[in-house]
Amino acid sequence: MTALALGTPQIILIGVSIIPLIALIDILRNDFQKNDKLIWILMVIFLNIIGGILYLFMGRKQRVKKQD
């Protein structure tokens, strides 16, 4: 029981660190209209976890669809 309690903060910290990283990678790999890409990058950098979560829920819908 003690080993699980010691590992929980580290697991939460890793999760909190990964969400903005995933969001930034996704933003950089996709195209957006006008300045949306820059705005999302700044939001993820300055708002960190909140910016990453906002992008994953709202920003992914704003991407420009690629033509085949």
C-alpha atoms as a PDB file:
ATOM      1  CA  MET A   1       0.000   0.000   0.000  1.00  0.00           C
ATOM      2  CA  THR A   2       2.846   2.392   0.788  1.00  0.00           C
ATOM      3  CA  ALA A   3       4.582   1.796  -2.556  1.00  0.00           C
ATOM      4  CA  LEU A   4       1.408   2.787  -4.419  1.00  0.00           C
ATOM      5  CA  ALA A   5       1.056   5.975  -2.378  1.00  0.00           C
ATOM      6  CA  LEU A   6       4.638   6.986  -3.164  1.00  0.00           C
ATOM      7  CA  GLY A   7       4.193   6.409  -6.896  1.00  0.00           C
ATOM      8  CA  THR A   8       0.896   8.254  -7.308  1.00  0.00           C
ATOM      9  CA  PRO A   9       2.325  11.814  -7.380  1.00  0.00           C
ATOM     10  CA  GLN A  10       4.914  10.760  -9.952  1.00  0.00           C
ATOM     11  CA  ILE A  11       2.252   9.159 -12.155  1.00  0.00           C
ATOM     12  CA  ILE A  12       0.115  12.303 -11.955  1.00  0.00           C
ATOM     13  CA  LEU A  13       3.143  14.487 -12.773  1.00  0.00           C
ATOM     14  CA  ILE A  14       3.955  12.376 -15.826  1.00  0.00           C
ATOM     15  CA  GLY A  15       0.349  12.583 -17.026  1.00  0.00           C
ATOM     16  CA  VAL A  16       0.267  16.348 -16.536  1.00  0.00           C
ATOM     17  CA  SER A  17       3.535  16.687 -18.479  1.00  0.00           C
ATOM     18  CA  ILE A  18       2.463  14.480 -21.385  1.00  0.00           C
ATOM     19  CA  ILE A  19      -0.840  16.229 -22.238  1.00  0.00           C
ATOM     20  CA  PRO A  20       0.731  19.575 -23.302  1.00  0.00           C
ATOM     21  CA  LEU A  21       3.476  17.709 -25.171  1.00  0.00           C
ATOM     22  CA  ILE A  22       0.926  15.687 -27.155  1.00  0.00           C
ATOM     23  CA  ALA A  23      -1.032  18.868 -27.884  1.00  0.00           C
ATOM     24  CA  LEU A  24       2.078  20.722 -29.128  1.00  0.00           C
ATOM     25  CA  ILE A  25       3.094  17.845 -31.393  1.00  0.00           C
ATOM     26  CA  ASP A  26      -0.419  17.659 -32.837  1.00  0.00           C
ATOM     27  CA  ILE A  27      -0.526  21.429 -33.405  1.00  0.00           C
ATOM     28  CA  LEU A  28       2.828  21.449 -35.202  1.00  0.00           C
ATOM     29  CA  ARG A  29       1.913  18.501 -37.451  1.00  0.00           C
ATOM     30  CA  ASN A  30      -1.376  19.961 -38.699  1.00  0.00           C
ATOM     31  CA  ASP A  31      -2.503  23.040 -40.613  1.00  0.00           C
ATOM     32  CA  PHE A  32      -4.836  25.710 -39.269  1.00  0.00           C
ATOM     33  CA  GLN A  33      -6.499  28.793 -40.702  1.00  0.00           C
ATOM     34  CA  LYS A  34      -4.731  32.153 -40.385  1.00  0.00           C
ATOM     35  CA  ASN A  35      -3.100  32.626 -36.957  1.00  0.00           C
ATOM     36  CA  ASP A  36      -4.903  29.776 -35.186  1.00  0.00           C
ATOM     37  CA  LYS A  37      -1.734  27.659 -35.042  1.00  0.00           C
ATOM     38  CA  LEU A  38       0.228  30.412 -33.295  1.00  0.00           C
ATOM     39  CA  ILE A  39      -2.617  31.097 -30.866  1.00  0.00           C
ATOM     40  CA  TRP A  40      -2.910  27.422 -29.912  1.00  0.00           C
ATOM     41  CA  ILE A  41       0.856  27.078 -29.458  1.00  0.00           C
ATOM     42  CA  LEU A  42       0.925  30.107 -27.146  1.00  0.00           C
ATOM     43  CA  MET A  43      -2.078  28.826 -25.180  1.00  0.00           C
ATOM     44  CA  VAL A  44      -0.474  25.425 -24.621  1.00  0.00           C
ATOM     45  CA  ILE A  45       2.859  26.970 -23.624  1.00  0.00           C
ATOM     46  CA  PHE A  46       1.469  29.582 -21.226  1.00  0.00           C
ATOM     47  CA  LEU A  47      -1.558  27.712 -19.851  1.00  0.00           C
ATOM     48  CA  ASN A  48       0.265  24.361 -19.822  1.00  0.00           C
ATOM     49  CA  ILE A  49      -2.168  21.629 -18.733  1.00  0.00           C
ATOM     50  CA  ILE A  50      -5.302  23.758 -19.191  1.00  0.00           C
ATOM     51  CA  GLY A  51      -4.162  24.869 -22.658  1.00  0.00           C
ATOM     52  CA  GLY A  52      -3.380  21.281 -23.627  1.00  0.00           C
ATOM     53  CA  ILE A  53      -6.772  20.032 -22.490  1.00  0.00           C
ATOM     54  CA  LEU A  54      -8.556  22.924 -24.223  1.00  0.00           C
ATOM     55  CA  TYR A  55      -6.737  22.151 -27.462  1.00  0.00           C
ATOM     56  CA  LEU A  56      -7.473  18.428 -27.304  1.00  0.00           C
ATOM     57  CA  PHE A  57     -11.189  19.061 -26.752  1.00  0.00           C
ATOM     58  CA  MET A  58     -11.772  22.199 -28.865  1.00  0.00           C
ATOM     59  CA  GLY A  59      -8.767  22.963 -31.063  1.00  0.00           C
ATOM     60  CA  ARG A  60      -8.608  19.687 -32.941  1.00  0.00           C
ATOM     61  CA  LYS A  61     -11.933  20.558 -34.570  1.00  0.00           C
ATOM     62  CA  GLN A  62     -10.395  23.745 -36.031  1.00  0.00           C
ATOM     63  CA  ARG A  63      -7.753  21.956 -38.094  1.00  0.00           C
ATOM     64  CA  VAL A  64      -7.816  22.327 -41.863  1.00  0.00           C
ATOM     65  CA  LYS A  65      -8.717  19.030 -43.481  1.00  0.00           C
ATOM     66  CA  LYS A  66      -6.064  17.748 -45.851  1.00  0.00           C
ATOM     67  CA  GLN A  67      -7.041  17.215 -49.482  1.00  0.00           C
ATOM     68  CA  ASP A  68      -6.201  13.788 -50.932  1.00  0.00           C
END
